[in-house]
Amino acid sequence: MNTTPQPDPRDRPARLTVGVVGAGRVGPALAASLRLAGHRPVAVSAVSDASRRRAERMLPDVPVVPPAEVLQRSELVLLTVPDDALPELVAGLADTGAVRPGQLLVHTSGRYGAKVLDPALRAGALPLALHPAMTFTGTSVDVQRLAGCSFGVTAPEELRLAAEALVVEMGGEPEWIAEENRPLYHAALALGANHLVTLVAQSLELLRTAGVEAPDRMLGPLLGAALDNALRSGDAALTGPVARGDAGTVAAHVTELRRHAPGAVAGYLAMARATADRALAHGLLKPELAEDLLGVLADGTGGAGGVTGTDGTGSTPGEDR
């Protein structure tokens, strides 16, 4: 057992005072993780009552002040505001002289790279784009989730080491994203994570409508296995009636959705078409079964019509589920 006294993180060199502009779900969590690394949060700005409560809970004893004062007090500033608000915020801070030369200015937007910070760069700031690829709750659990979390990082080459160091200190793993690829990078994350929440919520509602008493308990193991399989095997993990070409089953699904959840039909059809395309491209969906299936999806009425080659249940005889 190692009994050597460990140094206090606060005694490490180059510890920074940290400010947060925008006490949404992300900023306080990142500041709290930087505090664990020995940095010192000194100021936070918050507008709504909810964000003020969040700041008090996540960053106790850190004063809530206007954004310009956050910059005045801080060597490292986290700009954690909605994507659409970021350019105007940066321009306003630069125009009013709030930005100081040598100040590390970090935004956490997935959409933007470092160029959105150009007004602050011209004022002498050091621009970093550090986007945690993680969903946040606004609670202390977020700090734990940062362990091993990938960060999409964009920064000038001369600040690469500084960017990597900050990400590692927050427990994350830096992943470099070119400036021109930031929108595509962000779209990929939104497609996978944000749309997943919508799909799961719809599944839960439909299962309740079908009389399932514990839909979360039913979906948990299934979705966990599906995610694990997809991450391991990609398109080879595709399964279900679309990948099998069970046109009759898909038609029945559409009929029931129109009856019980018409708002979910468009999403079901769009995802089924995308699944069919990928299954066809990877040889999982047999071309002779695809025609009827694609006909159902194109028609979108849920009528089994001229579906052929099935045993009446939507499954082709001899096919594995």
Protein backbone atom coordinates (compact mmCIF):
# COMPACT_ATOMS: atom_id res chain seq x y z
CA MET A 1 0.00 0.00 0.00
CA ASN A 2 1.38 3.38 -1.00
CA THR A 3 1.54 5.69 2.01
CA THR A 4 3.37 8.53 0.26
CA PRO A 5 1.42 11.75 0.82
CA GLN A 6 -0.22 12.93 -2.39
CA PRO A 7 -0.01 16.61 -3.33
CA ASP A 8 -3.10 18.74 -3.04
CA PRO A 9 -4.40 19.50 -6.58
CA ARG A 10 -4.52 23.16 -5.60
CA ASP A 11 -0.73 23.14 -5.20
CA ARG A 12 -0.11 22.17 -8.84
CA PRO A 13 1.49 24.82 -11.07
CA ALA A 14 -0.49 26.74 -13.67
CA ARG A 15 -3.81 26.39 -11.87
CA LEU A 16 -6.32 28.80 -13.39
CA THR A 17 -9.22 30.87 -12.18
CA VAL A 18 -12.31 29.66 -14.05
CA GLY A 19 -15.43 31.54 -15.06
CA VAL A 20 -18.64 30.26 -16.63
CA VAL A 21 -20.87 32.30 -18.92
CA GLY A 22 -24.16 30.46 -19.07
CA ALA A 23 -25.16 28.16 -16.21
CA GLY A 24 -27.04 25.62 -18.28
CA ARG A 25 -26.44 21.92 -17.86
CA VAL A 26 -22.93 21.88 -19.34
CA GLY A 27 -21.00 24.80 -17.87
CA PRO A 28 -21.34 24.07 -14.16
CA ALA A 29 -20.42 20.41 -14.72
CA LEU A 30 -17.25 21.29 -16.62
CA ALA A 31 -16.28 23.88 -14.03
CA ALA A 32 -16.87 21.36 -11.25
CA SER A 33 -14.62 18.85 -13.01
CA LEU A 34 -11.92 21.49 -13.44
CA ARG A 35 -12.19 22.21 -9.73
CA LEU A 36 -11.42 18.56 -9.03
CA ALA A 37 -8.26 19.03 -11.13
CA GLY A 38 -7.20 21.93 -8.93
CA HIS A 39 -8.48 24.90 -10.90
CA ARG A 40 -10.57 27.49 -9.08
CA PRO A 41 -14.04 28.52 -10.27
CA VAL A 42 -14.47 32.17 -9.32
CA ALA A 43 -17.55 33.47 -11.17
CA VAL A 44 -20.62 32.31 -13.08
CA SER A 45 -23.36 34.11 -14.97
CA ALA A 46 -26.94 32.87 -14.84
CA VAL A 47 -30.18 34.37 -16.10
CA SER A 48 -33.11 32.14 -15.18
CA ASP A 49 -34.07 30.97 -11.72
CA ALA A 50 -33.34 27.39 -12.78
CA SER A 51 -29.82 28.25 -13.92
CA ARG A 52 -29.18 30.17 -10.69
CA ARG A 53 -30.25 27.16 -8.64
CA ARG A 54 -28.08 24.92 -10.78
CA ALA A 55 -25.07 27.18 -10.27
CA GLU A 56 -25.61 27.23 -6.52
CA ARG A 57 -25.92 23.45 -6.42
CA MET A 58 -22.99 22.59 -8.69
CA LEU A 59 -20.69 25.49 -7.79
CA PRO A 60 -21.43 26.44 -4.17
CA ASP A 61 -19.89 29.68 -2.94
CA VAL A 62 -19.12 30.82 -6.50
CA PRO A 63 -20.72 34.25 -7.03
CA VAL A 64 -23.27 34.84 -9.78
CA VAL A 65 -22.28 37.97 -11.70
CA PRO A 66 -22.87 39.52 -15.16
CA PRO A 67 -20.92 37.99 -18.09
CA ALA A 68 -18.48 40.91 -18.38
CA GLU A 69 -17.54 40.49 -14.74
CA VAL A 70 -17.04 36.74 -15.25
CA LEU A 71 -14.39 37.60 -17.83
CA GLN A 72 -12.85 40.22 -15.60
CA ARG A 73 -12.29 37.70 -12.80
CA SER A 74 -11.22 34.68 -14.85
CA GLU A 75 -8.15 33.41 -16.67
CA LEU A 76 -10.13 30.57 -18.27
CA VAL A 77 -13.67 31.33 -19.41
CA LEU A 78 -16.21 28.67 -20.42
CA LEU A 79 -18.82 29.99 -22.85
CA THR A 80 -21.63 27.49 -22.41
CA VAL A 81 -24.62 29.06 -24.12
CA PRO A 82 -26.90 27.69 -26.88
CA ASP A 83 -25.24 27.38 -30.30
CA ASP A 84 -27.34 30.09 -31.93
CA ALA A 85 -26.50 32.58 -29.16
CA LEU A 86 -22.74 32.04 -29.29
CA PRO A 87 -21.66 34.32 -32.19
CA GLU A 88 -23.55 37.33 -30.81
CA LEU A 89 -22.21 36.70 -27.31
CA VAL A 90 -18.60 36.53 -28.52
CA ALA A 91 -18.97 39.65 -30.66
CA GLY A 92 -20.59 41.56 -27.80
CA LEU A 93 -17.91 40.63 -25.28
CA ALA A 94 -15.18 41.63 -27.72
CA ASP A 95 -16.85 44.91 -28.71
CA THR A 96 -17.30 46.01 -25.09
CA GLY A 97 -13.67 45.31 -24.20
CA ALA A 98 -14.51 42.51 -21.79
CA VAL A 99 -11.99 40.14 -23.41
CA ARG A 100 -8.43 40.38 -22.07
CA PRO A 101 -5.21 39.47 -23.90
CA GLY A 102 -3.92 36.04 -22.95
CA GLN A 103 -7.29 34.90 -21.63
CA LEU A 104 -8.30 31.32 -22.51
CA LEU A 105 -11.74 31.48 -24.07
CA VAL A 106 -13.42 28.06 -24.42
CA HIS A 107 -16.78 27.40 -26.01
CA THR A 108 -18.57 24.05 -25.83
CA SER A 109 -20.71 24.23 -28.97
CA GLY A 110 -20.62 21.17 -31.18
CA ARG A 111 -21.60 23.14 -34.25
CA TYR A 112 -18.81 25.69 -34.22
CA GLY A 113 -15.05 25.38 -34.35
CA ALA A 114 -12.56 28.02 -33.24
CA LYS A 115 -13.40 30.61 -35.91
CA VAL A 116 -16.55 31.70 -34.09
CA LEU A 117 -14.14 33.10 -31.48
CA ASP A 118 -12.30 35.29 -34.03
CA PRO A 119 -13.61 38.56 -32.52
CA ALA A 120 -12.10 37.52 -29.18
CA LEU A 121 -8.92 36.34 -30.92
CA ARG A 122 -8.46 39.82 -32.36
CA ALA A 123 -8.76 41.15 -28.82
CA GLY A 124 -5.89 38.88 -27.74
CA ALA A 125 -7.79 35.89 -26.35
CA LEU A 126 -6.71 32.27 -26.85
CA PRO A 127 -9.59 30.42 -28.59
CA LEU A 128 -10.52 26.79 -27.92
CA ALA A 129 -13.54 24.74 -29.02
CA LEU A 130 -14.06 21.83 -26.60
CA HIS A 131 -17.33 19.98 -27.11
CA PRO A 132 -18.09 17.07 -24.75
CA ALA A 133 -19.85 14.28 -26.64
CA MET A 134 -22.15 13.60 -23.73
CA THR A 135 -25.72 14.28 -22.69
CA PHE A 136 -26.06 16.33 -19.49
CA THR A 137 -28.64 16.31 -16.69
CA GLY A 138 -27.57 19.41 -14.78
CA THR A 139 -26.67 17.35 -11.71
CA SER A 140 -23.49 16.05 -10.09
CA VAL A 141 -23.77 12.78 -12.05
CA ASP A 142 -22.54 14.71 -15.09
CA VAL A 143 -19.10 15.14 -13.54
CA GLN A 144 -18.79 11.36 -13.19
CA ARG A 145 -19.94 10.81 -16.78
CA LEU A 146 -17.08 12.95 -18.08
CA ALA A 147 -14.66 10.15 -17.20
CA GLY A 148 -13.67 8.69 -20.56
CA CYS A 149 -15.97 11.04 -22.48
CA SER A 150 -14.74 12.08 -25.92
CA PHE A 151 -14.42 15.81 -26.60
CA GLY A 152 -14.57 17.23 -30.11
CA VAL A 153 -11.61 19.64 -30.09
CA THR A 154 -10.80 22.40 -32.57
CA ALA A 155 -8.09 24.96 -31.85
CA PRO A 156 -5.10 26.69 -33.43
CA GLU A 157 -2.12 24.37 -33.72
CA GLU A 158 -0.13 26.36 -31.16
CA LEU A 159 -2.88 25.76 -28.57
CA ARG A 160 -3.19 22.03 -29.22
CA LEU A 161 -1.33 21.01 -26.07
CA ALA A 162 -3.37 23.39 -23.91
CA ALA A 163 -6.62 22.03 -25.35
CA GLU A 164 -5.57 18.43 -24.79
CA ALA A 165 -4.47 19.17 -21.24
CA LEU A 166 -7.80 20.74 -20.30
CA VAL A 167 -9.78 17.83 -21.76
CA VAL A 168 -7.64 15.27 -19.95
CA GLU A 169 -7.97 17.20 -16.68
CA MET A 170 -11.75 16.98 -17.03
CA GLY A 171 -11.42 13.21 -17.42
CA GLY A 172 -12.08 13.23 -21.15
CA GLU A 173 -10.40 12.04 -24.32
CA PRO A 174 -9.59 14.66 -27.00
CA GLU A 175 -10.71 13.93 -30.56
CA TRP A 176 -9.50 16.49 -33.10
CA ILE A 177 -12.15 17.80 -35.52
CA ALA A 178 -11.23 20.01 -38.47
CA GLU A 179 -12.91 23.41 -38.53
CA GLU A 180 -14.81 22.66 -41.74
CA ASN A 181 -16.09 19.33 -40.35
CA ARG A 182 -17.69 20.69 -37.18
CA PRO A 183 -21.28 20.89 -38.56
CA LEU A 184 -21.07 17.32 -39.91
CA TYR A 185 -19.56 16.08 -36.65
CA HIS A 186 -22.36 17.72 -34.69
CA ALA A 187 -25.05 16.40 -37.03
CA ALA A 188 -23.74 12.87 -36.51
CA LEU A 189 -23.99 13.19 -32.74
CA ALA A 190 -27.47 14.71 -32.90
CA LEU A 191 -28.65 11.96 -35.24
CA GLY A 192 -27.43 9.27 -32.86
CA ALA A 193 -28.15 10.74 -29.43
CA ASN A 194 -30.95 13.30 -29.71
CA HIS A 195 -33.09 11.25 -32.07
CA LEU A 196 -32.53 8.20 -29.90
CA VAL A 197 -34.33 9.93 -27.04
CA THR A 198 -37.32 10.61 -29.28
CA LEU A 199 -37.42 7.02 -30.51
CA VAL A 200 -37.20 5.59 -27.00
CA ALA A 201 -39.89 7.94 -25.69
CA GLN A 202 -42.21 6.91 -28.53
CA SER A 203 -41.52 3.23 -27.85
CA LEU A 204 -42.34 3.70 -24.17
CA GLU A 205 -45.64 5.40 -25.01
CA LEU A 206 -46.64 2.69 -27.48
CA LEU A 207 -45.83 -0.09 -25.05
CA ARG A 208 -47.97 1.59 -22.38
CA THR A 209 -50.80 1.83 -24.90
CA ALA A 210 -50.35 -1.88 -25.61
CA GLY A 211 -50.82 -2.62 -21.91
CA VAL A 212 -47.21 -3.20 -20.85
CA GLU A 213 -46.93 -2.25 -17.17
CA ALA A 214 -43.16 -1.74 -17.07
CA PRO A 215 -42.07 -0.61 -20.54
CA ASP A 216 -38.76 0.72 -19.25
CA ARG A 217 -37.90 -2.69 -17.83
CA MET A 218 -38.82 -4.33 -21.12
CA LEU A 219 -36.87 -1.90 -23.30
CA GLY A 220 -33.75 -1.59 -21.15
CA PRO A 221 -32.11 -4.94 -21.94
CA LEU A 222 -33.29 -4.89 -25.56
CA LEU A 223 -31.96 -1.41 -26.33
CA GLY A 224 -28.76 -2.04 -24.42
CA ALA A 225 -28.08 -5.15 -26.49
CA ALA A 226 -29.02 -3.38 -29.73
CA LEU A 227 -26.66 -0.50 -28.99
CA ASP A 228 -23.83 -2.82 -28.05
CA ASN A 229 -24.34 -4.89 -31.20
CA ALA A 230 -24.47 -1.78 -33.40
CA LEU A 231 -21.27 -0.36 -31.93
CA ARG A 232 -19.51 -3.69 -32.35
CA SER A 233 -20.83 -4.76 -35.74
CA GLY A 234 -22.37 -1.77 -37.51
CA ASP A 235 -24.88 -2.69 -40.21
CA ALA A 236 -24.29 -6.39 -39.60
CA ALA A 237 -26.31 -5.94 -36.38
CA LEU A 238 -29.48 -5.04 -38.30
CA THR A 239 -32.40 -7.31 -37.46
CA GLY A 240 -36.19 -7.11 -37.30
CA PRO A 241 -38.96 -7.22 -39.91
CA VAL A 242 -37.46 -4.59 -42.26
CA ALA A 243 -34.06 -6.30 -42.50
CA ARG A 244 -35.84 -9.63 -42.99
CA GLY A 245 -38.18 -8.28 -45.67
CA ASP A 246 -41.34 -9.06 -43.69
CA ALA A 247 -43.58 -6.71 -45.67
CA GLY A 248 -46.80 -7.99 -44.10
CA THR A 249 -45.51 -7.31 -40.60
CA VAL A 250 -44.39 -3.81 -41.54
CA ALA A 251 -47.80 -3.12 -43.10
CA ALA A 252 -49.46 -4.24 -39.86
CA HIS A 253 -47.19 -1.94 -37.89
CA VAL A 254 -48.17 1.04 -40.03
CA THR A 255 -51.86 0.23 -39.64
CA GLU A 256 -51.61 0.08 -35.86
CA LEU A 257 -49.54 3.23 -35.65
CA ARG A 258 -52.08 5.14 -37.73
CA ARG A 259 -54.78 3.95 -35.35
CA HIS A 260 -53.01 4.60 -32.02
CA ALA A 261 -50.15 7.03 -32.69
CA PRO A 262 -50.52 8.82 -36.03
CA GLY A 263 -47.76 11.24 -35.07
CA ALA A 264 -45.26 8.37 -35.10
CA VAL A 265 -46.05 7.11 -38.61
CA ALA A 266 -43.80 9.49 -40.54
CA GLY A 267 -40.82 8.69 -38.33
CA TYR A 268 -41.44 4.94 -38.55
CA LEU A 269 -41.63 5.06 -42.35
CA ALA A 270 -38.52 7.22 -42.67
CA MET A 271 -36.44 4.99 -40.41
CA ALA A 272 -37.80 1.83 -42.06
CA ARG A 273 -36.80 3.14 -45.50
CA ALA A 274 -33.32 4.01 -44.24
CA THR A 275 -33.03 0.57 -42.62
CA ALA A 276 -34.15 -1.15 -45.82
CA ASP A 277 -31.60 0.78 -47.87
CA ARG A 278 -28.78 -0.19 -45.54
CA ALA A 279 -29.94 -3.81 -45.31
CA LEU A 280 -30.07 -4.05 -49.10
CA ALA A 281 -26.66 -2.44 -49.54
CA HIS A 282 -25.07 -4.91 -47.11
CA GLY A 283 -26.77 -8.02 -48.47
CA LEU A 284 -28.99 -8.58 -45.44
CA LEU A 285 -32.29 -7.90 -47.21
CA LYS A 286 -32.93 -10.23 -50.15
CA PRO A 287 -33.77 -8.31 -53.34
CA GLU A 288 -36.75 -10.59 -54.07
CA LEU A 289 -38.28 -9.55 -50.72
CA ALA A 290 -37.37 -5.91 -50.97
CA GLU A 291 -39.87 -5.00 -53.71
CA ASP A 292 -42.98 -5.71 -51.65
CA LEU A 293 -41.44 -4.14 -48.57
CA LEU A 294 -40.47 -0.95 -50.37
CA GLY A 295 -43.94 -0.87 -51.90
CA VAL A 296 -45.50 -0.82 -48.42
CA LEU A 297 -43.11 1.89 -47.28
CA ALA A 298 -43.68 4.00 -50.38
CA ASP A 299 -47.46 3.62 -50.14
CA GLY A 300 -47.44 4.26 -46.41
CA THR A 301 -51.04 3.13 -46.02
CA GLY A 302 -50.30 -0.03 -44.05
CA GLY A 303 -52.27 -2.16 -46.49
CA ALA A 304 -50.73 -5.59 -47.04
CA GLY A 305 -52.24 -5.54 -50.55
CA GLY A 306 -50.22 -7.62 -52.92
CA VAL A 307 -47.59 -8.77 -50.46
CA THR A 308 -46.38 -12.18 -51.54
CA GLY A 309 -44.01 -14.85 -50.33
CA THR A 310 -45.18 -14.80 -46.70
CA ASP A 311 -47.02 -17.25 -44.53
CA GLY A 312 -49.69 -14.77 -43.43
CA THR A 313 -47.77 -13.59 -40.41
CA GLY A 314 -45.37 -11.34 -42.29
CA SER A 315 -42.53 -13.86 -42.08
CA THR A 316 -41.11 -15.81 -44.96
CA PRO A 317 -41.17 -19.57 -44.33
CA GLY A 318 -37.83 -20.85 -43.21
CA GLU A 319 -36.45 -17.40 -42.41
CA ASP A 320 -34.75 -16.85 -39.06
CA ARG A 321 -35.87 -14.05 -36.80
